[in-house]
C-alpha atoms as a PDB file:
ATOM      1  CA  MET A   1       0.000   0.000   0.000  1.00  0.00           C
ATOM      2  CA  THR A   2       1.105   3.620  -0.448  1.00  0.00           C
ATOM      3  CA  ASP A   3       0.259   6.786   1.429  1.00  0.00           C
ATOM      4  CA  SER A   4       0.905   9.065  -1.529  1.00  0.00           C
ATOM      5  CA  PRO A   5      -2.181   9.668  -3.668  1.00  0.00           C
ATOM      6  CA  CYS A   6      -0.001  10.301  -6.718  1.00  0.00           C
ATOM      7  CA  THR A   7       2.165   7.180  -6.434  1.00  0.00           C
ATOM      8  CA  ARG A   8       1.215   3.783  -7.798  1.00  0.00           C
ATOM      9  CA  SER A   9       1.029   0.952  -5.261  1.00  0.00           C
ATOM     10  CA  ASP A  10       1.874  -2.729  -5.659  1.00  0.00           C
ATOM     11  CA  GLY A  11      -0.517  -3.762  -2.877  1.00  0.00           C
ATOM     12  CA  ASP A  12      -3.178  -6.438  -3.397  1.00  0.00           C
ATOM     13  CA  PRO A  13      -6.615  -4.795  -3.662  1.00  0.00           C
ATOM     14  CA  ARG A  14      -8.110  -7.863  -1.995  1.00  0.00           C
ATOM     15  CA  GLU A  15      -6.225  -6.914   1.165  1.00  0.00           C
ATOM     16  CA  LEU A  16      -8.144  -3.631   1.451  1.00  0.00           C
ATOM     17  CA  PRO A  17     -10.675  -3.311   4.300  1.00  0.00           C
ATOM     18  CA  GLY A  18     -13.794  -3.320   2.113  1.00  0.00           C
ATOM     19  CA  PHE A  19     -12.874  -6.518   0.301  1.00  0.00           C
ATOM     20  CA  ARG A  20     -11.672  -8.289   3.437  1.00  0.00           C
ATOM     21  CA  ARG A  21     -14.873  -7.386   5.315  1.00  0.00           C
ATOM     22  CA  THR A  22     -17.042  -8.795   2.537  1.00  0.00           C
ATOM     23  CA  TYR A  23     -15.356 -11.831   0.962  1.00  0.00           C
ATOM     24  CA  ALA A  24     -13.532 -14.942   2.140  1.00  0.00           C
ATOM     25  CA  PRO A  25     -13.323 -18.553   0.951  1.00  0.00           C
ATOM     26  CA  GLY A  26     -16.018 -20.798   2.389  1.00  0.00           C
ATOM     27  CA  ARG A  27     -17.887 -17.884   3.962  1.00  0.00           C
ATOM     28  CA  LEU A  28     -21.087 -16.045   3.072  1.00  0.00           C
ATOM     29  CA  THR A  29     -21.798 -12.465   4.101  1.00  0.00           C
ATOM     30  CA  LEU A  30     -24.742 -10.142   3.537  1.00  0.00           C
ATOM     31  CA  GLY A  31     -25.047  -6.723   1.949  1.00  0.00           C
ATOM     32  CA  LEU A  32     -27.898  -4.330   1.259  1.00  0.00           C
ATOM     33  CA  GLY A  33     -28.762  -2.277  -1.797  1.00  0.00           C
ATOM     34  CA  PHE A  34     -29.645   1.424  -1.744  1.00  0.00           C
ATOM     35  CA  PRO A  35     -32.111   2.994  -1.487  1.00  0.00           C
ATOM     36  CA  LEU A  36     -32.645   1.555   1.992  1.00  0.00           C
ATOM     37  CA  ARG A  37     -36.423   1.815   1.964  1.00  0.00           C
ATOM     38  CA  THR A  38     -39.488  -0.405   1.609  1.00  0.00           C
ATOM     39  CA  GLY A  39     -43.027  -0.005   0.362  1.00  0.00           C
ATOM     40  CA  ALA A  40     -44.082   0.874   3.905  1.00  0.00           C
ATOM     41  CA  ASP A  41     -41.760   3.882   4.182  1.00  0.00           C
ATOM     42  CA  GLY A  42     -42.732   7.440   3.348  1.00  0.00           C
ATOM     43  CA  ASP A  43     -40.898   9.660   0.896  1.00  0.00           C
ATOM     44  CA  GLU A  44     -38.916  11.235   3.719  1.00  0.00           C
ATOM     45  CA  ILE A  45     -36.815   8.078   3.944  1.00  0.00           C
ATOM     46  CA  CYS A  46     -35.201   9.086   0.618  1.00  0.00           C
ATOM     47  CA  ASP A  47     -33.627  12.085   2.345  1.00  0.00           C
ATOM     48  CA  ALA A  48     -29.849  11.655   2.393  1.00  0.00           C
ATOM     49  CA  ASP A  49     -29.631  12.114   6.165  1.00  0.00           C
ATOM     50  CA  ALA A  50     -32.312   9.478   6.699  1.00  0.00           C
ATOM     51  CA  GLN A  51     -30.472   7.095   4.386  1.00  0.00           C
ATOM     52  CA  ALA A  52     -27.254   7.728   6.311  1.00  0.00           C
ATOM     53  CA  GLN A  53     -28.997   6.830   9.565  1.00  0.00           C
ATOM     54  CA  VAL A  54     -30.267   3.561   8.098  1.00  0.00           C
ATOM     55  CA  ALA A  55     -26.783   2.861   6.722  1.00  0.00           C
ATOM     56  CA  GLN A  56     -25.357   3.330  10.212  1.00  0.00           C
ATOM     57  CA  ALA A  57     -27.933   0.859  11.557  1.00  0.00           C
ATOM     58  CA  ALA A  58     -26.890  -1.663   8.903  1.00  0.00           C
ATOM     59  CA  GLU A  59     -23.234  -1.197   9.838  1.00  0.00           C
ATOM     60  CA  ALA A  60     -23.984  -1.643  13.535  1.00  0.00           C
ATOM     61  CA  GLY A  61     -26.063  -4.717  12.670  1.00  0.00           C
ATOM     62  CA  GLY A  62     -23.108  -6.495  11.096  1.00  0.00           C
ATOM     63  CA  PHE A  63     -23.914  -6.240   7.396  1.00  0.00           C
ATOM     64  CA  ALA A  64     -20.783  -6.421   5.275  1.00  0.00           C
ATOM     65  CA  ALA A  65     -21.531  -3.961   2.484  1.00  0.00           C
ATOM     66  CA  LEU A  66     -23.889  -1.382   1.003  1.00  0.00           C
ATOM     67  CA  TYR A  67     -24.364  -0.877  -2.733  1.00  0.00           C
ATOM     68  CA  ALA A  68     -25.536   2.025  -4.873  1.00  0.00           C
ATOM     69  CA  ARG A  69     -26.779   1.554  -8.423  1.00  0.00           C
ATOM     70  CA  ASP A  70     -25.754   3.721 -11.371  1.00  0.00           C
ATOM     71  CA  ILE A  71     -28.894   4.972 -13.116  1.00  0.00           C
ATOM     72  CA  PRO A  72     -28.049   8.139 -15.075  1.00  0.00           C
ATOM     73  CA  LEU A  73     -31.603   8.875 -16.253  1.00  0.00           C
ATOM     74  CA  ARG A  74     -35.120   8.446 -14.916  1.00  0.00           C
ATOM     75  CA  VAL A  75     -36.937   6.116 -17.308  1.00  0.00           C
ATOM     76  CA  PRO A  76     -40.580   5.701 -16.183  1.00  0.00           C
ATOM     77  CA  SER A  77     -41.160   2.641 -18.374  1.00  0.00           C
ATOM     78  CA  PHE A  78     -38.755   0.693 -16.152  1.00  0.00           C
ATOM     79  CA  GLY A  79     -40.965   1.408 -13.130  1.00  0.00           C
ATOM     80  CA  ASP A  80     -37.923   2.008 -10.943  1.00  0.00           C
ATOM     81  CA  VAL A  81     -36.258   5.370 -10.388  1.00  0.00           C
ATOM     82  CA  GLY A  82     -33.542   3.487  -8.533  1.00  0.00           C
ATOM     83  CA  GLN A  83     -30.541   5.515  -7.414  1.00  0.00           C
ATOM     84  CA  VAL A  84     -31.525   9.205  -7.467  1.00  0.00           C
ATOM     85  CA  TYR A  85     -28.209  10.744  -6.394  1.00  0.00           C
ATOM     86  CA  ASP A  86     -25.020  10.332  -8.402  1.00  0.00           C
ATOM     87  CA  PRO A  87     -23.390   7.166  -7.003  1.00  0.00           C
ATOM     88  CA  TRP A  88     -19.922   8.722  -6.577  1.00  0.00           C
ATOM     89  CA  VAL A  89     -21.241  11.688  -4.597  1.00  0.00           C
ATOM     90  CA  PHE A  90     -23.744   9.600  -2.668  1.00  0.00           C
ATOM     91  CA  LEU A  91     -21.227   6.949  -1.599  1.00  0.00           C
ATOM     92  CA  THR A  92     -18.724   9.608  -0.579  1.00  0.00           C
ATOM     93  CA  TYR A  93     -21.446  11.057   1.640  1.00  0.00           C
ATOM     94  CA  MET A  94     -22.114   7.590   3.070  1.00  0.00           C
ATOM     95  CA  ALA A  95     -18.396   7.071   3.642  1.00  0.00           C
ATOM     96  CA  ALA A  96     -18.368  10.202   5.779  1.00  0.00           C
ATOM     97  CA  HIS A  97     -21.247   8.851   7.889  1.00  0.00           C
ATOM     98  CA  THR A  98     -19.925   5.302   8.384  1.00  0.00           C
ATOM     99  CA  SER A  99     -16.583   3.857   9.424  1.00  0.00           C
ATOM    100  CA  ARG A 100     -16.350   0.122   8.694  1.00  0.00           C
ATOM    101  CA  ILE A 101     -18.956  -1.088   6.233  1.00  0.00           C
ATOM    102  CA  ALA A 102     -17.862  -1.680   2.629  1.00  0.00           C
ATOM    103  CA  LEU A 103     -19.374   0.627   0.002  1.00  0.00           C
ATOM    104  CA  GLY A 104     -19.882  -0.606  -3.531  1.00  0.00           C
ATOM    105  CA  THR A 105     -21.431   0.226  -6.872  1.00  0.00           C
ATOM    106  CA  ALA A 106     -23.718  -2.349  -8.459  1.00  0.00           C
ATOM    107  CA  GLY A 107     -22.733  -1.309 -10.920  1.00  0.00           C
ATOM    108  CA  ILE A 108     -21.275   1.668 -12.808  1.00  0.00           C
ATOM    109  CA  VAL A 109     -22.605   1.583 -16.401  1.00  0.00           C
ATOM    110  CA  LEU A 110     -19.160   1.670 -17.951  1.00  0.00           C
ATOM    111  CA  PRO A 111     -20.094   2.001 -21.651  1.00  0.00           C
ATOM    112  CA  VAL A 112     -21.832   5.362 -21.097  1.00  0.00           C
ATOM    113  CA  ARG A 113     -19.078   6.808 -18.874  1.00  0.00           C
ATOM    114  CA  HIS A 114     -15.613   8.040 -19.774  1.00  0.00           C
ATOM    115  CA  PRO A 115     -13.085   5.526 -18.411  1.00  0.00           C
ATOM    116  CA  LEU A 116     -10.654   8.217 -17.229  1.00  0.00           C
ATOM    117  CA  HIS A 117     -13.415   9.861 -15.179  1.00  0.00           C
ATOM    118  CA  VAL A 118     -14.313   6.454 -13.728  1.00  0.00           C
ATOM    119  CA  ALA A 119     -10.665   5.818 -12.828  1.00  0.00           C
ATOM    120  CA  LYS A 120     -10.391   9.162 -11.029  1.00  0.00           C
ATOM    121  CA  SER A 121     -13.712   8.786  -9.211  1.00  0.00           C
ATOM    122  CA  ALA A 122     -13.051   5.189  -8.138  1.00  0.00           C
ATOM    123  CA  ALA A 123      -9.555   5.928  -6.814  1.00  0.00           C
ATOM    124  CA  SER A 124     -10.847   9.043  -5.041  1.00  0.00           C
ATOM    125  CA  LEU A 125     -13.610   7.110  -3.292  1.00  0.00           C
ATOM    126  CA  ASP A 126     -11.163   4.338  -2.419  1.00  0.00           C
ATOM    127  CA  ARG A 127      -8.860   6.892  -0.800  1.00  0.00           C
ATOM    128  CA  LEU A 128     -11.564   8.919   0.951  1.00  0.00           C
ATOM    129  CA  SER A 129     -13.282   5.828   2.381  1.00  0.00           C
ATOM    130  CA  GLY A 130     -10.114   4.285   3.775  1.00  0.00           C
ATOM    131  CA  GLY A 131     -10.058   1.390   1.322  1.00  0.00           C
ATOM    132  CA  ARG A 132     -13.698   0.421   1.788  1.00  0.00           C
ATOM    133  CA  PHE A 133     -14.800   0.898  -1.817  1.00  0.00           C
ATOM    134  CA  LEU A 134     -15.785  -1.977  -4.144  1.00  0.00           C
ATOM    135  CA  LEU A 135     -16.004  -0.966  -7.813  1.00  0.00           C
ATOM    136  CA  GLY A 136     -18.893  -2.823  -9.419  1.00  0.00           C
ATOM    137  CA  LEU A 137     -18.975  -2.505 -13.212  1.00  0.00           C
ATOM    138  CA  ALA A 138     -21.883  -3.241 -15.560  1.00  0.00           C
ATOM    139  CA  SER A 139     -22.706  -2.897 -19.242  1.00  0.00           C
ATOM    140  CA  GLY A 140     -26.170  -1.334 -18.786  1.00  0.00           C
ATOM    141  CA  ASP A 141     -29.586  -2.415 -20.039  1.00  0.00           C
ATOM    142  CA  ARG A 142     -31.722   0.705 -20.571  1.00  0.00           C
ATOM    143  CA  PRO A 143     -31.998   1.647 -24.260  1.00  0.00           C
ATOM    144  CA  GLU A 144     -33.019   5.240 -23.445  1.00  0.00           C
ATOM    145  CA  GLU A 145     -29.685   5.839 -21.734  1.00  0.00           C
ATOM    146  CA  PHE A 146     -27.616   4.723 -24.697  1.00  0.00           C
ATOM    147  CA  ARG A 147     -29.615   6.890 -27.107  1.00  0.00           C
ATOM    148  CA  ALA A 148     -29.272   9.899 -24.782  1.00  0.00           C
ATOM    149  CA  PHE A 149     -25.498   9.546 -24.731  1.00  0.00           C
ATOM    150  CA  GLY A 150     -25.316   9.055 -28.495  1.00  0.00           C
ATOM    151  CA  LEU A 151     -24.302   5.391 -28.284  1.00  0.00           C
ATOM    152  CA  GLU A 152     -25.534   2.189 -29.874  1.00  0.00           C
ATOM    153  CA  GLN A 153     -26.720  -0.270 -27.238  1.00  0.00           C
ATOM    154  CA  GLY A 154     -25.690  -3.155 -29.460  1.00  0.00           C
ATOM    155  CA  GLY A 155     -22.054  -2.098 -29.188  1.00  0.00           C
ATOM    156  CA  ARG A 156     -21.969  -1.955 -25.409  1.00  0.00           C
ATOM    157  CA  GLY A 157     -20.071  -5.227 -25.015  1.00  0.00           C
ATOM    158  CA  GLU A 158     -17.149  -4.082 -27.143  1.00  0.00           C
ATOM    159  CA  ARG A 159     -17.199  -0.630 -25.548  1.00  0.00           C
ATOM    160  CA  PHE A 160     -17.202  -2.235 -22.082  1.00  0.00           C
ATOM    161  CA  ARG A 161     -14.041  -4.199 -22.887  1.00  0.00           C
ATOM    162  CA  GLU A 162     -12.275  -1.166 -24.290  1.00  0.00           C
ATOM    163  CA  ASN A 163     -13.213   1.008 -21.322  1.00  0.00           C
ATOM    164  CA  VAL A 164     -12.056  -1.685 -18.877  1.00  0.00           C
ATOM    165  CA  ARG A 165      -8.678  -1.650 -20.623  1.00  0.00           C
ATOM    166  CA  VAL A 166      -8.370   2.131 -20.348  1.00  0.00           C
ATOM    167  CA  LEU A 167      -9.700   2.239 -16.777  1.00  0.00           C
ATOM    168  CA  THR A 168      -7.255  -0.439 -15.644  1.00  0.00           C
ATOM    169  CA  HIS A 169      -4.351   1.283 -17.378  1.00  0.00           C
ATOM    170  CA  ALA A 170      -5.186   4.634 -15.769  1.00  0.00           C
ATOM    171  CA  MET A 171      -5.345   3.169 -12.260  1.00  0.00           C
ATOM    172  CA  THR A 172      -2.309   0.906 -12.444  1.00  0.00           C
ATOM    173  CA  THR A 173       0.326   2.943 -14.316  1.00  0.00           C
ATOM    174  CA  GLU A 174       2.105   6.272 -13.901  1.00  0.00           C
ATOM    175  CA  MET A 175       2.694   8.671 -16.818  1.00  0.00           C
ATOM    176  CA  ARG A 176       2.261   5.985 -19.464  1.00  0.00           C
ATOM    177  CA  GLY A 177       0.262   6.888 -22.517  1.00  0.00           C
ATOM    178  CA  ILE A 178      -2.585   4.917 -24.010  1.00  0.00           C
ATOM    179  CA  ARG A 179      -4.556   5.210 -27.233  1.00  0.00           C
ATOM    180  CA  TRP A 180      -8.085   3.888 -27.794  1.00  0.00           C
ATOM    181  CA  SER A 181     -10.943   4.498 -30.222  1.00  0.00           C
ATOM    182  CA  ALA A 182     -12.282   7.517 -28.321  1.00  0.00           C
ATOM    183  CA  GLY A 183      -9.080   9.230 -27.248  1.00  0.00           C
ATOM    184  CA  TRP A 184      -5.380   9.377 -26.609  1.00  0.00           C
ATOM    185  CA  MET A 185      -3.741  10.104 -23.262  1.00  0.00           C
ATOM    186  CA  HIS A 186      -0.186  11.323 -23.746  1.00  0.00           C
ATOM    187  CA  SER A 187       2.164  13.180 -21.347  1.00  0.00           C
ATOM    188  CA  ALA A 188      -0.592  13.097 -18.737  1.00  0.00           C
ATOM    189  CA  ASP A 189      -1.733  10.920 -15.871  1.00  0.00           C
ATOM    190  CA  VAL A 190      -4.841  10.221 -13.785  1.00  0.00           C
ATOM    191  CA  VAL A 191      -4.555  10.881 -10.053  1.00  0.00           C
ATOM    192  CA  PRO A 192      -5.163   9.921  -7.362  1.00  0.00           C
ATOM    193  CA  LYS A 193      -3.918   6.400  -7.678  1.00  0.00           C
ATOM    194  CA  PRO A 194      -5.731   3.736  -5.641  1.00  0.00           C
ATOM    195  CA  SER A 195      -4.394   2.839  -2.213  1.00  0.00           C
ATOM    196  CA  ALA A 196      -3.542  -0.636  -3.598  1.00  0.00           C
ATOM    197  CA  SER A 197      -2.495  -1.649  -7.107  1.00  0.00           C
ATOM    198  CA  SER A 198      -6.103  -1.098  -8.224  1.00  0.00           C
ATOM    199  CA  VAL A 199      -9.563  -0.723  -6.739  1.00  0.00           C
ATOM    200  CA  PRO A 200     -11.254  -4.090  -6.047  1.00  0.00           C
ATOM    201  CA  THR A 201     -13.393  -4.664  -9.138  1.00  0.00           C
ATOM    202  CA  ILE A 202     -16.578  -6.725  -9.096  1.00  0.00           C
ATOM    203  CA  MET A 203     -18.230  -7.593 -12.397  1.00  0.00           C
ATOM    204  CA  ILE A 204     -22.006  -7.124 -12.155  1.00  0.00           C
ATOM    205  CA  GLY A 205     -24.199  -9.354 -14.304  1.00  0.00           C
ATOM    206  CA  SER A 206     -22.922 -10.660 -17.626  1.00  0.00           C
ATOM    207  CA  CYS A 207     -21.437  -7.329 -18.794  1.00  0.00           C
ATOM    208  CA  GLN A 208     -22.068  -8.767 -22.292  1.00  0.00           C
ATOM    209  CA  GLN A 209     -18.937 -10.898 -21.781  1.00  0.00           C
ATOM    210  CA  SER A 210     -17.967 -14.529 -21.356  1.00  0.00           C
ATOM    211  CA  VAL A 211     -17.444 -15.933 -17.867  1.00  0.00           C
ATOM    212  CA  ALA A 212     -13.808 -16.409 -18.829  1.00  0.00           C
ATOM    213  CA  TYR A 213     -13.443 -12.672 -19.473  1.00  0.00           C
ATOM    214  CA  LEU A 214     -15.140 -11.767 -16.180  1.00  0.00           C
ATOM    215  CA  ALA A 215     -12.847 -14.122 -14.281  1.00  0.00           C
ATOM    216  CA  ALA A 216      -9.731 -12.746 -15.952  1.00  0.00           C
ATOM    217  CA  HIS A 217     -10.534  -9.042 -15.496  1.00  0.00           C
ATOM    218  CA  GLY A 218     -12.508  -8.885 -12.251  1.00  0.00           C
ATOM    219  CA  ASP A 219     -11.686  -9.529  -8.605  1.00  0.00           C
ATOM    220  CA  GLY A 220     -15.127 -11.106  -8.190  1.00  0.00           C
ATOM    221  CA  TRP A 221     -18.510 -11.596  -9.834  1.00  0.00           C
ATOM    222  CA  MET A 222     -21.994 -10.626  -8.690  1.00  0.00           C
ATOM    223  CA  THR A 223     -24.780 -12.175 -10.702  1.00  0.00           C
ATOM    224  CA  TYR A 224     -28.514 -12.754 -10.343  1.00  0.00           C
ATOM    225  CA  PRO A 225     -30.526 -15.361  -8.431  1.00  0.00           C
ATOM    226  CA  ARG A 226     -31.220 -18.537 -10.361  1.00  0.00           C
ATOM    227  CA  ASP A 227     -32.847 -21.891  -9.856  1.00  0.00           C
ATOM    228  CA  PHE A 228     -30.731 -23.631  -7.215  1.00  0.00           C
ATOM    229  CA  ASP A 229     -29.232 -26.270  -9.510  1.00  0.00           C
ATOM    230  CA  ALA A 230     -28.545 -23.667 -12.193  1.00  0.00           C
ATOM    231  CA  GLN A 231     -26.765 -21.459  -9.653  1.00  0.00           C
ATOM    232  CA  ARG A 232     -24.708 -24.407  -8.475  1.00  0.00           C
ATOM    233  CA  ARG A 233     -23.552 -24.986 -12.066  1.00  0.00           C
ATOM    234  CA  THR A 234     -22.818 -21.262 -12.464  1.00  0.00           C
ATOM    235  CA  VAL A 235     -20.610 -21.283  -9.361  1.00  0.00           C
ATOM    236  CA  VAL A 236     -18.716 -24.319 -10.659  1.00  0.00           C
ATOM    237  CA  ARG A 237     -18.203 -22.616 -14.020  1.00  0.00           C
ATOM    238  CA  TRP A 238     -16.936 -19.475 -12.306  1.00  0.00           C
ATOM    239  CA  ARG A 239     -14.421 -21.416 -10.218  1.00  0.00           C
ATOM    240  CA  GLU A 240     -13.181 -23.201 -13.341  1.00  0.00           C
ATOM    241  CA  MET A 241     -12.692 -19.923 -15.200  1.00  0.00           C
ATOM    242  CA  VAL A 242     -10.924 -18.283 -12.231  1.00  0.00           C
ATOM    243  CA  ALA A 243      -8.499 -21.215 -12.089  1.00  0.00           C
ATOM    244  CA  ALA A 244      -7.968 -21.088 -15.847  1.00  0.00           C
ATOM    245  CA  ALA A 245      -7.275 -17.342 -15.761  1.00  0.00           C
ATOM    246  CA  GLY A 246      -4.315 -17.952 -13.477  1.00  0.00           C
ATOM    247  CA  ALA A 247      -5.134 -14.876 -11.352  1.00  0.00           C
ATOM    248  CA  THR A 248      -3.177 -14.094  -8.224  1.00  0.00           C
ATOM    249  CA  GLY A 249      -4.589 -13.540  -4.758  1.00  0.00           C
ATOM    250  CA  ASP A 250      -5.579 -15.288  -1.547  1.00  0.00           C
ATOM    251  CA  ASP A 251      -5.861 -19.041  -1.807  1.00  0.00           C
ATOM    252  CA  GLY A 252      -8.968 -20.911  -0.842  1.00  0.00           C
ATOM    253  CA  ASP A 253      -8.963 -23.944   1.434  1.00  0.00           C
ATOM    254  CA  ASP A 254      -8.347 -26.237  -1.558  1.00  0.00           C
ATOM    255  CA  GLY A 255      -5.302 -24.256  -2.663  1.00  0.00           C
ATOM    256  CA  GLU A 256      -7.020 -22.638  -5.635  1.00  0.00           C
ATOM    257  CA  VAL A 257      -7.077 -18.924  -6.340  1.00  0.00           C
ATOM    258  CA  PHE A 258     -10.022 -17.228  -4.620  1.00  0.00           C
ATOM    259  CA  LYS A 259     -12.248 -14.737  -6.374  1.00  0.00           C
ATOM    260  CA  PRO A 260     -15.679 -14.439  -4.758  1.00  0.00           C
ATOM    261  CA  PHE A 261     -19.013 -15.386  -6.287  1.00  0.00           C
ATOM    262  CA  ALA A 262     -21.886 -13.149  -5.185  1.00  0.00           C
ATOM    263  CA  GLN A 263     -25.533 -12.749  -6.102  1.00  0.00           C
ATOM    264  CA  SER A 264     -28.429 -10.389  -5.488  1.00  0.00           C
ATOM    265  CA  LEU A 265     -31.728 -11.435  -3.876  1.00  0.00           C
ATOM    266  CA  GLN A 266     -34.915  -9.433  -3.448  1.00  0.00           C
ATOM    267  CA  ILE A 267     -36.867 -10.298  -0.318  1.00  0.00           C
ATOM    268  CA  ASP A 268     -40.193  -9.447   1.265  1.00  0.00           C
ATOM    269  CA  LEU A 269     -39.549 -10.408   4.877  1.00  0.00           C
ATOM    270  CA  ALA A 270     -42.732 -11.935   6.296  1.00  0.00           C
ATOM    271  CA  ASP A 271     -43.986 -11.382   9.835  1.00  0.00           C
ATOM    272  CA  ASP A 272     -44.130 -15.145  10.369  1.00  0.00           C
ATOM    273  CA  PRO A 273     -40.525 -16.306  10.777  1.00  0.00           C
ATOM    274  CA  ASP A 274     -41.453 -19.765   9.455  1.00  0.00           C
ATOM    275  CA  GLU A 275     -43.296 -18.647   6.322  1.00  0.00           C
ATOM    276  CA  THR A 276     -42.060 -20.673   3.357  1.00  0.00           C
ATOM    277  CA  ALA A 277     -40.742 -18.962   0.255  1.00  0.00           C
ATOM    278  CA  SER A 278     -43.122 -17.723  -2.416  1.00  0.00           C
ATOM    279  CA  PRO A 279     -41.659 -16.115  -5.547  1.00  0.00           C
ATOM    280  CA  ILE A 280     -41.444 -12.391  -6.214  1.00  0.00           C
ATOM    281  CA  ASN A 281     -39.427 -10.642  -8.922  1.00  0.00           C
ATOM    282  CA  PHE A 282     -35.786 -11.735  -8.486  1.00  0.00           C
ATOM    283  CA  GLY A 283     -36.448 -13.270  -5.076  1.00  0.00           C
ATOM    284  CA  PHE A 284     -38.935 -14.414  -2.442  1.00  0.00           C
ATOM    285  CA  ARG A 285     -41.448 -13.440   0.146  1.00  0.00           C
ATOM    286  CA  ILE A 286     -40.065 -15.459   3.028  1.00  0.00           C
ATOM    287  CA  GLY A 287     -39.829 -15.746   6.819  1.00  0.00           C
ATOM    288  CA  ARG A 288     -36.503 -15.194   8.510  1.00  0.00           C
ATOM    289  CA  ARG A 289     -35.920 -18.827   9.501  1.00  0.00           C
ATOM    290  CA  ARG A 290     -36.565 -20.039   5.977  1.00  0.00           C
ATOM    291  CA  LEU A 291     -34.303 -17.241   4.718  1.00  0.00           C
ATOM    292  CA  VAL A 292     -31.505 -18.559   6.918  1.00  0.00           C
ATOM    293  CA  ASP A 293     -32.055 -22.038   5.457  1.00  0.00           C
ATOM    294  CA  HIS A 294     -31.875 -20.645   1.927  1.00  0.00           C
ATOM    295  CA  LEU A 295     -28.704 -18.677   2.636  1.00  0.00           C
ATOM    296  CA  GLU A 296     -27.077 -21.724   4.207  1.00  0.00           C
ATOM    297  CA  ASP A 297     -27.879 -23.676   1.051  1.00  0.00           C
ATOM    298  CA  LEU A 298     -26.278 -20.938  -1.050  1.00  0.00           C
ATOM    299  CA  ARG A 299     -23.192 -21.001   1.127  1.00  0.00           C
ATOM    300  CA  GLY A 300     -23.077 -24.754   0.641  1.00  0.00           C
ATOM    301  CA  ILE A 301     -22.767 -24.416  -3.138  1.00  0.00           C
ATOM    302  CA  GLY A 302     -20.050 -21.769  -2.885  1.00  0.00           C
ATOM    303  CA  VAL A 303     -21.856 -18.414  -2.880  1.00  0.00           C
ATOM    304  CA  ASN A 304     -19.721 -15.948  -0.894  1.00  0.00           C
ATOM    305  CA  HIS A 305     -21.980 -12.922  -0.639  1.00  0.00           C
ATOM    306  CA  VAL A 306     -25.652 -12.011  -1.092  1.00  0.00           C
ATOM    307  CA  GLN A 307     -26.836  -8.468  -1.693  1.00  0.00           C
ATOM    308  CA  LEU A 308     -30.357  -8.232  -0.291  1.00  0.00           C
ATOM    309  CA  GLY A 309     -32.884  -5.870  -1.830  1.00  0.00           C
ATOM    310  CA  LEU A 310     -35.611  -4.669   0.532  1.00  0.00           C
ATOM    311  CA  GLY A 311     -37.788  -2.627  -1.819  1.00  0.00           C
ATOM    312  CA  ALA A 312     -40.519  -5.286  -1.949  1.00  0.00           C
ATOM    313  CA  CYS A 313     -40.871  -5.515   1.836  1.00  0.00           C
ATOM    314  CA  ARG A 314     -44.221  -4.452   3.289  1.00  0.00           C
ATOM    315  CA  ARG A 315     -42.785  -3.449   6.666  1.00  0.00           C
ATOM    316  CA  PRO A 316     -40.714  -0.334   7.524  1.00  0.00           C
ATOM    317  CA  VAL A 317     -37.071  -0.629   6.594  1.00  0.00           C
ATOM    318  CA  ARG A 318     -35.717  -0.131  10.120  1.00  0.00           C
ATOM    319  CA  GLU A 319     -37.968  -2.908  11.407  1.00  0.00           C
ATOM    320  CA  VAL A 320     -36.749  -5.235   8.664  1.00  0.00           C
ATOM    321  CA  ILE A 321     -33.077  -4.384   9.174  1.00  0.00           C
ATOM    322  CA  ASP A 322     -33.370  -4.783  12.945  1.00  0.00           C
ATOM    323  CA  GLU A 323     -34.928  -8.247  12.540  1.00  0.00           C
ATOM    324  CA  LEU A 324     -32.288  -9.316  10.045  1.00  0.00           C
ATOM    325  CA  ALA A 325     -29.513  -7.955  12.271  1.00  0.00           C
ATOM    326  CA  GLU A 326     -30.805  -9.855  15.299  1.00  0.00           C
ATOM    327  CA  HIS A 327     -31.722 -13.189  13.749  1.00  0.00           C
ATOM    328  CA  VAL A 328     -30.076 -13.599  10.313  1.00  0.00           C
ATOM    329  CA  VAL A 329     -26.828 -11.627  10.113  1.00  0.00           C
ATOM    330  CA  PRO A 330     -25.243 -13.411  13.112  1.00  0.00           C
ATOM    331  CA  ARG A 331     -25.253 -16.589  11.002  1.00  0.00           C
ATOM    332  CA  PHE A 332     -23.510 -14.739   8.156  1.00  0.00           C
ATOM    333  CA  PRO A 333     -21.550 -11.907   9.804  1.00  0.00           C
ATOM    334  CA  SER A 334     -19.125  -9.489   8.204  1.00  0.00           C
ATOM    335  CA  LEU A 335     -15.518 -10.591   8.305  1.00  0.00           C
ATOM    336  CA  ASP A 336     -13.916  -7.867  10.435  1.00  0.00           C
END
């Protein structure tokens, strides 16, 4: 690690506090997605101060991480305003109001953003949060956004790969030029540099790439919930691709390179702790005891982290978080 914001470090990003709090071989931890609100909460819960207070409750309750989405434009046809505040500004605000919990993006829509701006913002948030930042990257899925930025949605996979190359170069080198289809950086540099060799990078969704690409270029992968057997096969495929990529990092118990596998899960936490799961979009309505059973099953197939979404809950968010913190998180605590 390095103390100078203008000097490149050789440190392992997976040794930074945010990564270490969230991911470890054979373990499963829990995160929450912003906005921290449910259908039972009033509009005042969207206030930044109110969100900071809920974030502090999540940190005190032992959750490993909090995630902000990157939604540049409000698109009513999607039925989800999502993240209202700019994720870089919002997470910096949250970093100032918390001290231990990891803060991630899930994920920055890289094809519509300039990679040099992303490099500067990610390294800045890494530095200002004390190494708690997890850089989630995505390829985006809202056609209106691509049109607004003058881009073809069909080319987002290729643009994602190119921007990853430029982003990685900007974070991991000093005063070395690079040329790409949209620009040329010469006799210039992006600062600050991350506090390690790069910012921990989590690939979100498919990113319009192969699993092999995600394993080679990311420090982890967060995907979507699937049928249990399908998710088991996806975890196995991920582990195979991580091993084939020959990445470096902490070893798992079996001696293989460890890069975490994570997934999202929407829940509607029932009043009855024994209520069995019934499907909702991307998740379940479920009681807390059955949720614990489900999470233990996911841990058993190799899932390392689950980002819970609470938007579908019918109870106030503080009530839900308090119940999870008391009865669920202790079975899957953060790692610090």
